PDB file of N, CA and C in Angstrom:
ATOM      1  N   MET A   1      21.062  45.037 -18.959  1.00  0.00           N
ATOM      2  CA  MET A   1      20.383  45.853 -19.798  1.00  0.00           C
ATOM      3  C   MET A   1      19.184  45.399 -20.537  1.00  0.00           C
ATOM      4  N   LYS A   2      19.403  44.052 -20.700  1.00  0.00           N
ATOM      5  CA  LYS A   2      18.157  43.318 -21.465  1.00  0.00           C
ATOM      6  C   LYS A   2      17.003  43.185 -20.462  1.00  0.00           C
ATOM      7  N   LEU A   3      17.485  42.988 -19.120  1.00  0.00           N
ATOM      8  CA  LEU A   3      16.332  42.849 -18.153  1.00  0.00           C
ATOM      9  C   LEU A   3      15.568  44.197 -17.959  1.00  0.00           C
ATOM     10  N   ILE A   4      16.416  45.409 -18.104  1.00  0.00           N
ATOM     11  CA  ILE A   4      15.624  46.587 -17.874  1.00  0.00           C
ATOM     12  C   ILE A   4      14.688  46.743 -19.330  1.00  0.00           C
ATOM     13  N   LEU A   5      15.201  46.536 -20.376  1.00  0.00           N
ATOM     14  CA  LEU A   5      14.404  46.667 -21.725  1.00  0.00           C
ATOM     15  C   LEU A   5      13.262  45.814 -21.449  1.00  0.00           C
ATOM     16  N   ILE A   6      13.232  44.604 -21.003  1.00  0.00           N
ATOM     17  CA  ILE A   6      12.171  43.674 -20.782  1.00  0.00           C
ATOM     18  C   ILE A   6      11.202  44.265 -19.853  1.00  0.00           C
ATOM     19  N   SER A   7      11.658  44.641 -18.793  1.00  0.00           N
ATOM     20  CA  SER A   7      10.810  45.219 -17.779  1.00  0.00           C
ATOM     21  C   SER A   7       9.980  46.347 -18.262  1.00  0.00           C
ATOM     22  N   LEU A   8      10.740  47.476 -18.981  1.00  0.00           N
ATOM     23  CA  LEU A   8       9.975  48.465 -19.538  1.00  0.00           C
ATOM     24  C   LEU A   8       8.920  48.000 -20.635  1.00  0.00           C
ATOM     25  N   ALA A   9       9.318  47.043 -21.353  1.00  0.00           N
ATOM     26  CA  ALA A   9       8.281  46.623 -22.282  1.00  0.00           C
ATOM     27  C   ALA A   9       7.058  45.903 -21.556  1.00  0.00           C
ATOM     28  N   LEU A  10       7.159  45.163 -20.468  1.00  0.00           N
ATOM     29  CA  LEU A  10       6.083  44.663 -19.731  1.00  0.00           C
ATOM     30  C   LEU A  10       5.325  45.643 -19.172  1.00  0.00           C
ATOM     31  N   ILE A  11       5.730  46.628 -18.510  1.00  0.00           N
ATOM     32  CA  ILE A  11       5.025  47.844 -18.005  1.00  0.00           C
ATOM     33  C   ILE A  11       4.245  48.401 -19.387  1.00  0.00           C
ATOM     34  N   ALA A  12       4.664  48.745 -20.281  1.00  0.00           N
ATOM     35  CA  ALA A  12       4.079  49.395 -21.457  1.00  0.00           C
ATOM     36  C   ALA A  12       3.067  48.434 -21.806  1.00  0.00           C
ATOM     37  N   ALA A  13       3.176  47.127 -21.860  1.00  0.00           N
ATOM     38  CA  ALA A  13       2.234  46.322 -22.288  1.00  0.00           C
ATOM     39  C   ALA A  13       0.777  45.983 -21.369  1.00  0.00           C
ATOM     40  N   GLY A  14       1.052  46.588 -20.205  1.00  0.00           N
ATOM     41  CA  GLY A  14      -0.157  46.384 -19.122  1.00  0.00           C
ATOM     42  C   GLY A  14      -0.483  45.009 -19.070  1.00  0.00           C
ATOM     43  N   CYS A  15      -0.650  44.546 -17.594  1.00  0.00           N
ATOM     44  CA  CYS A  15      -0.785  43.013 -17.371  1.00  0.00           C
ATOM     45  C   CYS A  15      -1.933  43.084 -16.507  1.00  0.00           C
ATOM     46  N   GLY A  16      -2.688  41.925 -16.498  1.00  0.00           N
ATOM     47  CA  GLY A  16      -3.835  41.627 -15.333  1.00  0.00           C
ATOM     48  C   GLY A  16      -3.988  40.207 -15.484  1.00  0.00           C
ATOM     49  N   SER A  17      -5.213  40.038 -14.643  1.00  0.00           N
ATOM     50  CA  SER A  17      -5.638  38.672 -14.857  1.00  0.00           C
ATOM     51  C   SER A  17      -7.338  38.623 -14.590  1.00  0.00           C
ATOM     52  N   SER A  18      -7.788  37.617 -14.982  1.00  0.00           N
ATOM     53  CA  SER A  18      -9.365  37.484 -15.013  1.00  0.00           C
ATOM     54  C   SER A  18      -9.536  35.918 -14.644  1.00  0.00           C
ATOM     55  N   ALA A  19     -10.475  35.544 -14.078  1.00  0.00           N
ATOM     56  CA  ALA A  19     -10.694  34.274 -13.809  1.00  0.00           C
ATOM     57  C   ALA A  19     -11.791  33.652 -14.724  1.00  0.00           C
ATOM     58  N   GLY A  20     -11.827  32.308 -14.910  1.00  0.00           N
ATOM     59  CA  GLY A  20     -12.845  31.623 -15.417  1.00  0.00           C
ATOM     60  C   GLY A  20     -13.001  31.404 -16.951  1.00  0.00           C
ATOM     61  N   THR A  21     -12.553  32.315 -17.841  1.00  0.00           N
ATOM     62  CA  THR A  21     -12.747  32.206 -19.274  1.00  0.00           C
ATOM     63  C   THR A  21     -11.582  31.356 -19.776  1.00  0.00           C
ATOM     64  N   ALA A  22     -12.036  30.675 -20.930  1.00  0.00           N
ATOM     65  CA  ALA A  22     -11.191  29.700 -21.540  1.00  0.00           C
ATOM     66  C   ALA A  22     -10.274  30.432 -22.718  1.00  0.00           C
ATOM     67  N   ALA A  23      -9.177  30.006 -22.973  1.00  0.00           N
ATOM     68  CA  ALA A  23      -8.491  30.632 -24.039  1.00  0.00           C
ATOM     69  C   ALA A  23      -8.953  30.076 -25.474  1.00  0.00           C
ATOM     70  N   SER A  24      -8.770  30.901 -26.436  1.00  0.00           N
ATOM     71  CA  SER A  24      -9.308  30.248 -27.761  1.00  0.00           C
ATOM     72  C   SER A  24      -8.513  29.201 -28.254  1.00  0.00           C
ATOM     73  N   SER A  25      -8.943  28.301 -29.190  1.00  0.00           N
ATOM     74  CA  SER A  25      -8.272  27.163 -29.560  1.00  0.00           C
ATOM     75  C   SER A  25      -7.436  27.434 -30.643  1.00  0.00           C
ATOM     76  N   THR A  26      -6.839  28.524 -30.723  1.00  0.00           N
ATOM     77  CA  THR A  26      -5.913  28.685 -31.827  1.00  0.00           C
ATOM     78  C   THR A  26      -4.713  27.717 -31.951  1.00  0.00           C
ATOM     79  N   VAL A  27      -4.531  27.376 -33.120  1.00  0.00           N
ATOM     80  CA  VAL A  27      -3.508  26.385 -33.367  1.00  0.00           C
ATOM     81  C   VAL A  27      -2.359  26.965 -33.446  1.00  0.00           C
ATOM     82  N   CYS A  28      -1.424  26.462 -32.881  1.00  0.00           N
ATOM     83  CA  CYS A  28       0.122  26.931 -32.967  1.00  0.00           C
ATOM     84  C   CYS A  28       0.790  26.751 -34.185  1.00  0.00           C
ATOM     85  N   THR A  29       1.336  27.792 -34.665  1.00  0.00           N
ATOM     86  CA  THR A  29       2.175  27.417 -36.055  1.00  0.00           C
ATOM     87  C   THR A  29       3.526  27.816 -35.781  1.00  0.00           C
ATOM     88  N   SER A  30       4.433  27.797 -36.750  1.00  0.00           N
ATOM     89  CA  SER A  30       5.907  28.115 -36.607  1.00  0.00           C
ATOM     90  C   SER A  30       6.047  29.432 -35.903  1.00  0.00           C
ATOM     91  N   ALA A  31       5.134  30.316 -36.156  1.00  0.00           N
ATOM     92  CA  ALA A  31       5.150  31.753 -35.477  1.00  0.00           C
ATOM     93  C   ALA A  31       5.195  31.504 -33.825  1.00  0.00           C
ATOM     94  N   GLY A  32       4.680  30.463 -33.413  1.00  0.00           N
ATOM     95  CA  GLY A  32       4.681  30.294 -31.975  1.00  0.00           C
ATOM     96  C   GLY A  32       6.012  29.891 -31.421  1.00  0.00           C
ATOM     97  N   ALA A  33       6.987  29.789 -32.268  1.00  0.00           N
ATOM     98  CA  ALA A  33       8.332  29.356 -31.966  1.00  0.00           C
ATOM     99  C   ALA A  33       8.923  30.567 -31.162  1.00  0.00           C
ATOM    100  N   ILE A  34       8.579  31.798 -31.327  1.00  0.00           N
ATOM    101  CA  ILE A  34       9.020  32.950 -30.451  1.00  0.00           C
ATOM    102  C   ILE A  34       9.125  32.430 -28.949  1.00  0.00           C
ATOM    103  N   LEU A  35       8.094  31.706 -28.405  1.00  0.00           N
ATOM    104  CA  LEU A  35       8.162  31.624 -26.929  1.00  0.00           C
ATOM    105  C   LEU A  35       8.507  29.801 -26.855  1.00  0.00           C
ATOM    106  N   ALA A  36       8.396  29.064 -27.948  1.00  0.00           N
ATOM    107  CA  ALA A  36       8.686  27.676 -27.698  1.00  0.00           C
ATOM    108  C   ALA A  36       9.982  27.284 -27.079  1.00  0.00           C
ATOM    109  N   GLY A  37      10.018  26.321 -26.346  1.00  0.00           N
ATOM    110  CA  GLY A  37      11.337  25.812 -25.766  1.00  0.00           C
ATOM    111  C   GLY A  37      11.167  26.146 -24.214  1.00  0.00           C
ATOM    112  N   SER A  38      12.388  25.936 -23.694  1.00  0.00           N
ATOM    113  CA  SER A  38      12.474  25.946 -22.154  1.00  0.00           C
ATOM    114  C   SER A  38      13.342  27.101 -21.726  1.00  0.00           C
ATOM    115  N   TRP A  39      12.808  27.730 -20.720  1.00  0.00           N
ATOM    116  CA  TRP A  39      13.448  29.061 -20.227  1.00  0.00           C
ATOM    117  C   TRP A  39      13.641  28.766 -18.722  1.00  0.00           C
ATOM    118  N   SER A  40      14.781  29.252 -18.206  1.00  0.00           N
ATOM    119  CA  SER A  40      15.301  29.207 -16.602  1.00  0.00           C
ATOM    120  C   SER A  40      15.156  30.437 -16.036  1.00  0.00           C
ATOM    121  N   GLY A  41      14.697  30.428 -14.878  1.00  0.00           N
ATOM    122  CA  GLY A  41      14.459  31.613 -14.050  1.00  0.00           C
ATOM    123  C   GLY A  41      14.169  31.392 -12.718  1.00  0.00           C
ATOM    124  N   THR A  42      13.526  32.299 -11.941  1.00  0.00           N
ATOM    125  CA  THR A  42      13.078  32.043 -10.537  1.00  0.00           C
ATOM    126  C   THR A  42      11.751  32.675 -10.429  1.00  0.00           C
ATOM    127  N   VAL A  43      10.957  32.179  -9.369  1.00  0.00           N
ATOM    128  CA  VAL A  43       9.787  32.635  -8.762  1.00  0.00           C
ATOM    129  C   VAL A  43       9.911  32.652  -7.336  1.00  0.00           C
ATOM    130  N   SER A  44       9.672  33.663  -6.810  1.00  0.00           N
ATOM    131  CA  SER A  44       9.805  34.040  -5.465  1.00  0.00           C
ATOM    132  C   SER A  44      11.147  33.227  -4.643  1.00  0.00           C
ATOM    133  N   GLY A  45      12.213  33.609  -5.334  1.00  0.00           N
ATOM    134  CA  GLY A  45      13.499  33.074  -5.123  1.00  0.00           C
ATOM    135  C   GLY A  45      13.882  31.584  -5.429  1.00  0.00           C
ATOM    136  N   HIS A  46      12.872  30.716  -6.094  1.00  0.00           N
ATOM    137  CA  HIS A  46      13.102  29.438  -6.248  1.00  0.00           C
ATOM    138  C   HIS A  46      13.377  29.211  -7.743  1.00  0.00           C
ATOM    139  N   ALA A  47      14.104  28.227  -8.115  1.00  0.00           N
ATOM    140  CA  ALA A  47      14.641  27.857  -9.370  1.00  0.00           C
ATOM    141  C   ALA A  47      13.136  27.467 -10.269  1.00  0.00           C
ATOM    142  N   ASP A  48      13.175  27.756 -11.381  1.00  0.00           N
ATOM    143  CA  ASP A  48      11.967  27.492 -12.111  1.00  0.00           C
ATOM    144  C   ASP A  48      12.143  27.294 -13.619  1.00  0.00           C
ATOM    145  N   VAL A  49      11.635  26.382 -14.290  1.00  0.00           N
ATOM    146  CA  VAL A  49      11.836  26.272 -15.715  1.00  0.00           C
ATOM    147  C   VAL A  49      10.504  26.258 -16.360  1.00  0.00           C
ATOM    148  N   LEU A  50      10.248  27.187 -17.174  1.00  0.00           N
ATOM    149  CA  LEU A  50       9.075  27.427 -17.917  1.00  0.00           C
ATOM    150  C   LEU A  50       9.277  26.846 -19.271  1.00  0.00           C
ATOM    151  N   THR A  51       8.303  25.874 -19.668  1.00  0.00           N
ATOM    152  CA  THR A  51       8.553  25.311 -21.115  1.00  0.00           C
ATOM    153  C   THR A  51       7.236  25.571 -21.778  1.00  0.00           C
ATOM    154  N   PHE A  52       7.448  26.178 -22.973  1.00  0.00           N
ATOM    155  CA  PHE A  52       6.265  26.417 -23.855  1.00  0.00           C
ATOM    156  C   PHE A  52       6.481  25.582 -25.204  1.00  0.00           C
ATOM    157  N   GLY A  53       5.282  24.617 -25.184  1.00  0.00           N
ATOM    158  CA  GLY A  53       5.297  23.770 -26.311  1.00  0.00           C
ATOM    159  C   GLY A  53       4.716  24.272 -27.576  1.00  0.00           C
ATOM    160  N   THR A  54       5.193  23.585 -28.805  1.00  0.00           N
ATOM    161  CA  THR A  54       4.708  24.234 -29.987  1.00  0.00           C
ATOM    162  C   THR A  54       3.256  23.776 -30.341  1.00  0.00           C
ATOM    163  N   ASP A  55       2.587  22.898 -29.316  1.00  0.00           N
ATOM    164  CA  ASP A  55       1.291  22.576 -29.523  1.00  0.00           C
ATOM    165  C   ASP A  55       0.403  23.255 -28.634  1.00  0.00           C
ATOM    166  N   CYS A  56       0.881  24.580 -28.268  1.00  0.00           N
ATOM    167  CA  CYS A  56       0.094  25.435 -27.393  1.00  0.00           C
ATOM    168  C   CYS A  56      -0.228  25.191 -25.971  1.00  0.00           C
ATOM    169  N   THR A  57       0.642  24.280 -25.583  1.00  0.00           N
ATOM    170  CA  THR A  57       0.645  23.946 -24.081  1.00  0.00           C
ATOM    171  C   THR A  57       1.874  24.152 -23.436  1.00  0.00           C
ATOM    172  N   GLY A  58       1.839  24.443 -22.007  1.00  0.00           N
ATOM    173  CA  GLY A  58       3.170  24.613 -21.338  1.00  0.00           C
ATOM    174  C   GLY A  58       3.259  24.154 -19.822  1.00  0.00           C
ATOM    175  N   SER A  59       4.311  24.268 -19.269  1.00  0.00           N
ATOM    176  CA  SER A  59       4.333  23.913 -17.908  1.00  0.00           C
ATOM    177  C   SER A  59       5.493  24.589 -17.199  1.00  0.00           C
ATOM    178  N   GLY A  60       5.367  24.581 -16.043  1.00  0.00           N
ATOM    179  CA  GLY A  60       6.571  25.191 -15.303  1.00  0.00           C
ATOM    180  C   GLY A  60       6.735  24.414 -13.988  1.00  0.00           C
ATOM    181  N   THR A  61       8.151  24.310 -13.599  1.00  0.00           N
ATOM    182  CA  THR A  61       8.675  23.308 -12.580  1.00  0.00           C
ATOM    183  C   THR A  61       8.278  23.769 -11.261  1.00  0.00           C
ATOM    184  N   TYR A  62       8.587  25.020 -10.697  1.00  0.00           N
ATOM    185  CA  TYR A  62       8.451  25.253  -9.375  1.00  0.00           C
ATOM    186  C   TYR A  62       6.949  25.231  -9.070  1.00  0.00           C
ATOM    187  N   CYS A  63       6.031  25.729  -9.905  1.00  0.00           N
ATOM    188  CA  CYS A  63       4.754  26.012  -9.451  1.00  0.00           C
ATOM    189  C   CYS A  63       4.003  24.732  -9.861  1.00  0.00           C
ATOM    190  N   GLY A  64       4.412  23.738 -10.515  1.00  0.00           N
ATOM    191  CA  GLY A  64       3.758  22.625 -11.129  1.00  0.00           C
ATOM    192  C   GLY A  64       2.618  23.110 -11.853  1.00  0.00           C
ATOM    193  N   ILE A  65       2.769  24.233 -12.664  1.00  0.00           N
ATOM    194  CA  ILE A  65       1.803  24.770 -13.482  1.00  0.00           C
ATOM    195  C   ILE A  65       1.677  24.048 -14.874  1.00  0.00           C
ATOM    196  N   ILE A  66       0.523  23.847 -15.334  1.00  0.00           N
ATOM    197  CA  ILE A  66       0.291  23.323 -16.567  1.00  0.00           C
ATOM    198  C   ILE A  66      -0.665  24.403 -17.169  1.00  0.00           C
ATOM    199  N   PHE A  67      -0.363  24.752 -18.378  1.00  0.00           N
ATOM    200  CA  PHE A  67      -1.168  26.060 -19.078  1.00  0.00           C
ATOM    201  C   PHE A  67      -1.169  25.782 -20.460  1.00  0.00           C
ATOM    202  N   SER A  68      -2.271  26.585 -21.182  1.00  0.00           N
ATOM    203  CA  SER A  68      -2.187  26.503 -22.577  1.00  0.00           C
ATOM    204  C   SER A  68      -2.396  28.252 -22.993  1.00  0.00           C
ATOM    205  N   TYR A  69      -1.949  28.220 -24.164  1.00  0.00           N
ATOM    206  CA  TYR A  69      -1.850  29.578 -24.680  1.00  0.00           C
ATOM    207  C   TYR A  69      -2.055  29.652 -26.285  1.00  0.00           C
ATOM    208  N   PRO A  70      -2.501  30.806 -26.726  1.00  0.00           N
ATOM    209  CA  PRO A  70      -2.874  30.828 -28.154  1.00  0.00           C
ATOM    210  C   PRO A  70      -1.544  31.156 -29.000  1.00  0.00           C
ATOM    211  N   ASN A  71      -1.408  31.005 -30.186  1.00  0.00           N
ATOM    212  CA  ASN A  71      -0.225  31.317 -30.915  1.00  0.00           C
ATOM    213  C   ASN A  71       0.404  32.604 -30.678  1.00  0.00           C
ATOM    214  N   VAL A  72       1.570  32.655 -30.714  1.00  0.00           N
ATOM    215  CA  VAL A  72       2.301  34.034 -30.511  1.00  0.00           C
ATOM    216  C   VAL A  72       2.834  34.488 -31.677  1.00  0.00           C
ATOM    217  N   VAL A  73       2.534  35.523 -32.230  1.00  0.00           N
ATOM    218  CA  VAL A  73       3.220  35.992 -33.509  1.00  0.00           C
ATOM    219  C   VAL A  73       4.139  37.341 -33.410  1.00  0.00           C
ATOM    220  N   SER A  74       4.428  37.679 -32.027  1.00  0.00           N
ATOM    221  CA  SER A  74       5.179  38.922 -31.863  1.00  0.00           C
ATOM    222  C   SER A  74       6.310  38.612 -30.825  1.00  0.00           C
ATOM    223  N   SER A  75       7.392  39.356 -30.828  1.00  0.00           N
ATOM    224  CA  SER A  75       8.449  39.326 -30.036  1.00  0.00           C
ATOM    225  C   SER A  75       8.022  40.037 -28.449  1.00  0.00           C
ATOM    226  N   SER A  76       6.941  40.810 -28.486  1.00  0.00           N
ATOM    227  CA  SER A  76       6.354  41.461 -27.441  1.00  0.00           C
ATOM    228  C   SER A  76       5.043  41.854 -27.587  1.00  0.00           C
ATOM    229  N   GLY A  77       4.293  41.839 -26.286  1.00  0.00           N
ATOM    230  CA  GLY A  77       2.966  42.179 -26.284  1.00  0.00           C
ATOM    231  C   GLY A  77       2.246  41.498 -25.193  1.00  0.00           C
ATOM    232  N   SER A  78       1.060  41.055 -25.411  1.00  0.00           N
ATOM    233  CA  SER A  78       0.433  40.306 -24.361  1.00  0.00           C
ATOM    234  C   SER A  78       0.009  38.815 -24.967  1.00  0.00           C
ATOM    235  N   VAL A  79      -0.198  38.082 -24.071  1.00  0.00           N
ATOM    236  CA  VAL A  79      -0.504  36.638 -24.226  1.00  0.00           C
ATOM    237  C   VAL A  79      -1.483  36.090 -23.128  1.00  0.00           C
ATOM    238  N   ILE A  80      -2.662  35.304 -23.508  1.00  0.00           N
ATOM    239  CA  ILE A  80      -3.495  34.763 -22.688  1.00  0.00           C
ATOM    240  C   ILE A  80      -3.025  33.451 -22.204  1.00  0.00           C
ATOM    241  N   LEU A  81      -2.711  33.242 -20.851  1.00  0.00           N
ATOM    242  CA  LEU A  81      -2.514  31.962 -20.336  1.00  0.00           C
ATOM    243  C   LEU A  81      -3.511  31.396 -19.772  1.00  0.00           C
ATOM    244  N   THR A  82      -3.993  30.332 -19.920  1.00  0.00           N
ATOM    245  CA  THR A  82      -5.136  29.495 -19.175  1.00  0.00           C
ATOM    246  C   THR A  82      -4.587  28.618 -18.337  1.00  0.00           C
ATOM    247  N   VAL A  83      -4.471  28.596 -17.117  1.00  0.00           N
ATOM    248  CA  VAL A  83      -3.784  27.727 -16.243  1.00  0.00           C
ATOM    249  C   VAL A  83      -4.727  26.659 -15.672  1.00  0.00           C
ATOM    250  N   SER A  84      -4.532  25.437 -15.821  1.00  0.00           N
ATOM    251  CA  SER A  84      -5.406  24.475 -15.612  1.00  0.00           C
ATOM    252  C   SER A  84      -4.925  23.672 -14.219  1.00  0.00           C
ATOM    253  N   ALA A  85      -3.589  23.737 -13.923  1.00  0.00           N
ATOM    254  CA  ALA A  85      -3.310  23.256 -12.669  1.00  0.00           C
ATOM    255  C   ALA A  85      -1.992  24.003 -12.058  1.00  0.00           C
ATOM    256  N   SER A  86      -1.970  23.835 -10.636  1.00  0.00           N
ATOM    257  CA  SER A  86      -0.799  24.677 -10.102  1.00  0.00           C
ATOM    258  C   SER A  86      -0.665  24.004  -8.713  1.00  0.00           C
ATOM    259  N   ASN A  87       0.460  24.034  -8.041  1.00  0.00           N
ATOM    260  CA  ASN A  87       0.564  23.442  -6.672  1.00  0.00           C
ATOM    261  C   ASN A  87       0.396  24.343  -5.667  1.00  0.00           C
ATOM    262  N   GLY A  88       0.195  25.767  -6.072  1.00  0.00           N
ATOM    263  CA  GLY A  88      -0.069  26.800  -5.093  1.00  0.00           C
ATOM    264  C   GLY A  88       1.211  27.369  -4.385  1.00  0.00           C
ATOM    265  N   ASN A  89       2.235  26.905  -4.808  1.00  0.00           N
ATOM    266  CA  ASN A  89       3.472  27.402  -4.019  1.00  0.00           C
ATOM    267  C   ASN A  89       3.482  29.111  -4.010  1.00  0.00           C
ATOM    268  N   ALA A  90       4.152  29.535  -3.176  1.00  0.00           N
ATOM    269  CA  ALA A  90       4.234  31.130  -3.107  1.00  0.00           C
ATOM    270  C   ALA A  90       4.715  31.753  -4.378  1.00  0.00           C
ATOM    271  N   GLY A  91       3.975  32.794  -4.762  1.00  0.00           N
ATOM    272  CA  GLY A  91       4.257  33.554  -5.948  1.00  0.00           C
ATOM    273  C   GLY A  91       3.740  32.806  -7.278  1.00  0.00           C
ATOM    274  N   CYS A  92       2.962  31.786  -7.186  1.00  0.00           N
ATOM    275  CA  CYS A  92       2.625  30.954  -8.353  1.00  0.00           C
ATOM    276  C   CYS A  92       1.261  31.275  -8.815  1.00  0.00           C
ATOM    277  N   LEU A  93       0.965  31.300 -10.111  1.00  0.00           N
ATOM    278  CA  LEU A  93      -0.464  31.494 -10.655  1.00  0.00           C
ATOM    279  C   LEU A  93      -1.400  30.353 -10.035  1.00  0.00           C
ATOM    280  N   THR A  94      -2.624  30.706  -9.910  1.00  0.00           N
ATOM    281  CA  THR A  94      -3.549  29.514  -9.618  1.00  0.00           C
ATOM    282  C   THR A  94      -4.420  29.455 -10.833  1.00  0.00           C
ATOM    283  N   ALA A  95      -5.283  28.256 -10.763  1.00  0.00           N
ATOM    284  CA  ALA A  95      -6.175  27.869 -12.051  1.00  0.00           C
ATOM    285  C   ALA A  95      -7.077  29.219 -12.381  1.00  0.00           C
ATOM    286  N   GLY A  96      -7.010  29.465 -13.478  1.00  0.00           N
ATOM    287  CA  GLY A  96      -7.730  30.653 -13.994  1.00  0.00           C
ATOM    288  C   GLY A  96      -7.160  31.147 -15.469  1.00  0.00           C
ATOM    289  N   THR A  97      -7.447  32.188 -15.906  1.00  0.00           N
ATOM    290  CA  THR A  97      -7.055  32.785 -17.273  1.00  0.00           C
ATOM    291  C   THR A  97      -6.488  34.152 -16.949  1.00  0.00           C
ATOM    292  N   TYR A  98      -5.298  34.431 -17.369  1.00  0.00           N
ATOM    293  CA  TYR A  98      -4.527  35.487 -17.224  1.00  0.00           C
ATOM    294  C   TYR A  98      -3.977  36.109 -18.529  1.00  0.00           C
ATOM    295  N   THR A  99      -4.098  37.494 -18.443  1.00  0.00           N
ATOM    296  CA  THR A  99      -3.458  38.117 -19.581  1.00  0.00           C
ATOM    297  C   THR A  99      -2.189  38.626 -19.171  1.00  0.00           C
ATOM    298  N   CYS A 100      -1.133  38.110 -19.850  1.00  0.00           N
ATOM    299  CA  CYS A 100       0.331  38.443 -19.357  1.00  0.00           C
ATOM    300  C   CYS A 100       1.137  39.281 -20.391  1.00  0.00           C
ATOM    301  N   GLY A 101       1.703  40.266 -19.955  1.00  0.00           N
ATOM    302  CA  GLY A 101       2.611  40.942 -20.901  1.00  0.00           C
ATOM    303  C   GLY A 101       4.157  39.971 -20.956  1.00  0.00           C
ATOM    304  N   TYR A 102       4.407  40.128 -22.251  1.00  0.00           N
ATOM    305  CA  TYR A 102       5.760  39.615 -22.213  1.00  0.00           C
ATOM    306  C   TYR A 102       6.630  40.225 -23.251  1.00  0.00           C
ATOM    307  N   ALA A 103       8.014  39.926 -23.248  1.00  0.00           N
ATOM    308  CA  ALA A 103       8.938  40.530 -24.158  1.00  0.00           C
ATOM    309  C   ALA A 103      10.037  39.376 -24.238  1.00  0.00           C
ATOM    310  N   VAL A 104      10.318  39.159 -25.647  1.00  0.00           N
ATOM    311  CA  VAL A 104      11.609  38.348 -25.875  1.00  0.00           C
ATOM    312  C   VAL A 104      12.642  39.003 -26.483  1.00  0.00           C
ATOM    313  N   VAL A 105      13.830  39.091 -25.882  1.00  0.00           N
ATOM    314  CA  VAL A 105      14.846  39.928 -26.440  1.00  0.00           C
ATOM    315  C   VAL A 105      16.102  38.893 -26.479  1.00  0.00           C
ATOM    316  N   SER A 106      16.442  38.445 -27.754  1.00  0.00           N
ATOM    317  CA  SER A 106      17.570  37.424 -28.033  1.00  0.00           C
ATOM    318  C   SER A 106      17.085  36.355 -27.212  1.00  0.00           C
ATOM    319  N   THR A 107      17.980  35.892 -26.263  1.00  0.00           N
ATOM    320  CA  THR A 107      17.645  34.656 -25.356  1.00  0.00           C
ATOM    321  C   THR A 107      16.933  35.035 -24.008  1.00  0.00           C
ATOM    322  N   ALA A 108      16.497  36.295 -23.748  1.00  0.00           N
ATOM    323  CA  ALA A 108      15.938  36.583 -22.668  1.00  0.00           C
ATOM    324  C   ALA A 108      14.379  36.749 -22.726  1.00  0.00           C
ATOM    325  N   LEU A 109      13.398  36.390 -21.810  1.00  0.00           N
ATOM    326  CA  LEU A 109      12.184  36.370 -21.721  1.00  0.00           C
ATOM    327  C   LEU A 109      11.797  36.942 -20.317  1.00  0.00           C
ATOM    328  N   GLY A 110      10.853  38.046 -20.565  1.00  0.00           N
ATOM    329  CA  GLY A 110      10.386  38.769 -19.366  1.00  0.00           C
ATOM    330  C   GLY A 110       8.750  38.583 -19.482  1.00  0.00           C
ATOM    331  N   ILE A 111       8.285  38.111 -18.507  1.00  0.00           N
ATOM    332  CA  ILE A 111       6.827  37.951 -18.413  1.00  0.00           C
ATOM    333  C   ILE A 111       6.292  38.519 -17.029  1.00  0.00           C
ATOM    334  N   ASN A 112       5.036  39.047 -17.132  1.00  0.00           N
ATOM    335  CA  ASN A 112       4.276  39.497 -16.256  1.00  0.00           C
ATOM    336  C   ASN A 112       2.845  39.101 -16.152  1.00  0.00           C
ATOM    337  N   CYS A 113       2.272  38.395 -15.311  1.00  0.00           N
ATOM    338  CA  CYS A 113       0.934  37.877 -15.354  1.00  0.00           C
ATOM    339  C   CYS A 113       0.081  38.664 -14.263  1.00  0.00           C
ATOM    340  N   GLY A 114       0.682  39.913 -13.958  1.00  0.00           N
ATOM    341  CA  GLY A 114      -0.053  40.800 -12.852  1.00  0.00           C
ATOM    342  C   GLY A 114       0.463  40.589 -11.454  1.00  0.00           C
ATOM    343  N   GLY A 115       1.441  39.600 -11.130  1.00  0.00           N
ATOM    344  CA  GLY A 115       2.129  39.553  -9.845  1.00  0.00           C
ATOM    345  C   GLY A 115       3.652  40.202  -9.772  1.00  0.00           C
ATOM    346  N   GLY A 116       4.065  40.836 -10.862  1.00  0.00           N
ATOM    347  CA  GLY A 116       5.380  41.410 -11.004  1.00  0.00           C
ATOM    348  C   GLY A 116       6.156  40.708 -12.134  1.00  0.00           C
ATOM    349  N   SER A 117       7.109  41.420 -12.607  1.00  0.00           N
ATOM    350  CA  SER A 117       8.009  40.972 -13.715  1.00  0.00           C
ATOM    351  C   SER A 117       8.746  39.837 -13.370  1.00  0.00           C
ATOM    352  N   LEU A 118       8.931  38.668 -14.210  1.00  0.00           N
ATOM    353  CA  LEU A 118       9.828  37.645 -13.995  1.00  0.00           C
ATOM    354  C   LEU A 118      10.622  37.574 -15.115  1.00  0.00           C
ATOM    355  N   GLY A 119      12.029  37.225 -14.948  1.00  0.00           N
ATOM    356  CA  GLY A 119      13.190  37.215 -16.094  1.00  0.00           C
ATOM    357  C   GLY A 119      13.571  35.715 -16.105  1.00  0.00           C
ATOM    358  N   TYR A 120      13.577  35.350 -17.441  1.00  0.00           N
ATOM    359  CA  TYR A 120      14.083  33.876 -17.791  1.00  0.00           C
ATOM    360  C   TYR A 120      15.030  34.060 -18.860  1.00  0.00           C
ATOM    361  N   THR A 121      15.779  32.927 -18.900  1.00  0.00           N
ATOM    362  CA  THR A 121      16.783  32.730 -20.120  1.00  0.00           C
ATOM    363  C   THR A 121      16.723  31.574 -20.761  1.00  0.00           C
ATOM    364  N   LYS A 122      16.629  31.626 -22.140  1.00  0.00           N
ATOM    365  CA  LYS A 122      16.468  30.371 -22.795  1.00  0.00           C
ATOM    366  C   LYS A 122      17.499  29.245 -22.523  1.00  0.00           C
ATOM    367  N   ILE A 123      17.214  28.078 -22.426  1.00  0.00           N
ATOM    368  CA  ILE A 123      18.022  27.140 -22.167  1.00  0.00           C
ATOM    369  C   ILE A 123      17.922  25.984 -23.242  1.00  0.00           C
TER     370      ILE A 123
END
């Protein structure tokens, strides 16, 4: 049921991507704790762990992704991810700036950066 709610929230948020622009240098605060921590899920059928740091940087294991993001103050909406590195695996974001819809419901995170909704669980 949580995944359905997250998927609906992501569809309502509207997602897309654009290349080349850097995210603002907003300093993360305790409000950023909404996303902070590690989340387990899959990308293209492969295990993945997304980690959002309280310093507004993050990483992903399957994609070898390194990204930055502005402070997050709501449990759902959109967030700008600026990807600086990726290994280019199937289903992974490449370097660039993406507007991603997201929703956090308890220990579930749904995120969509334009390639389809992905579901993660807080670990």
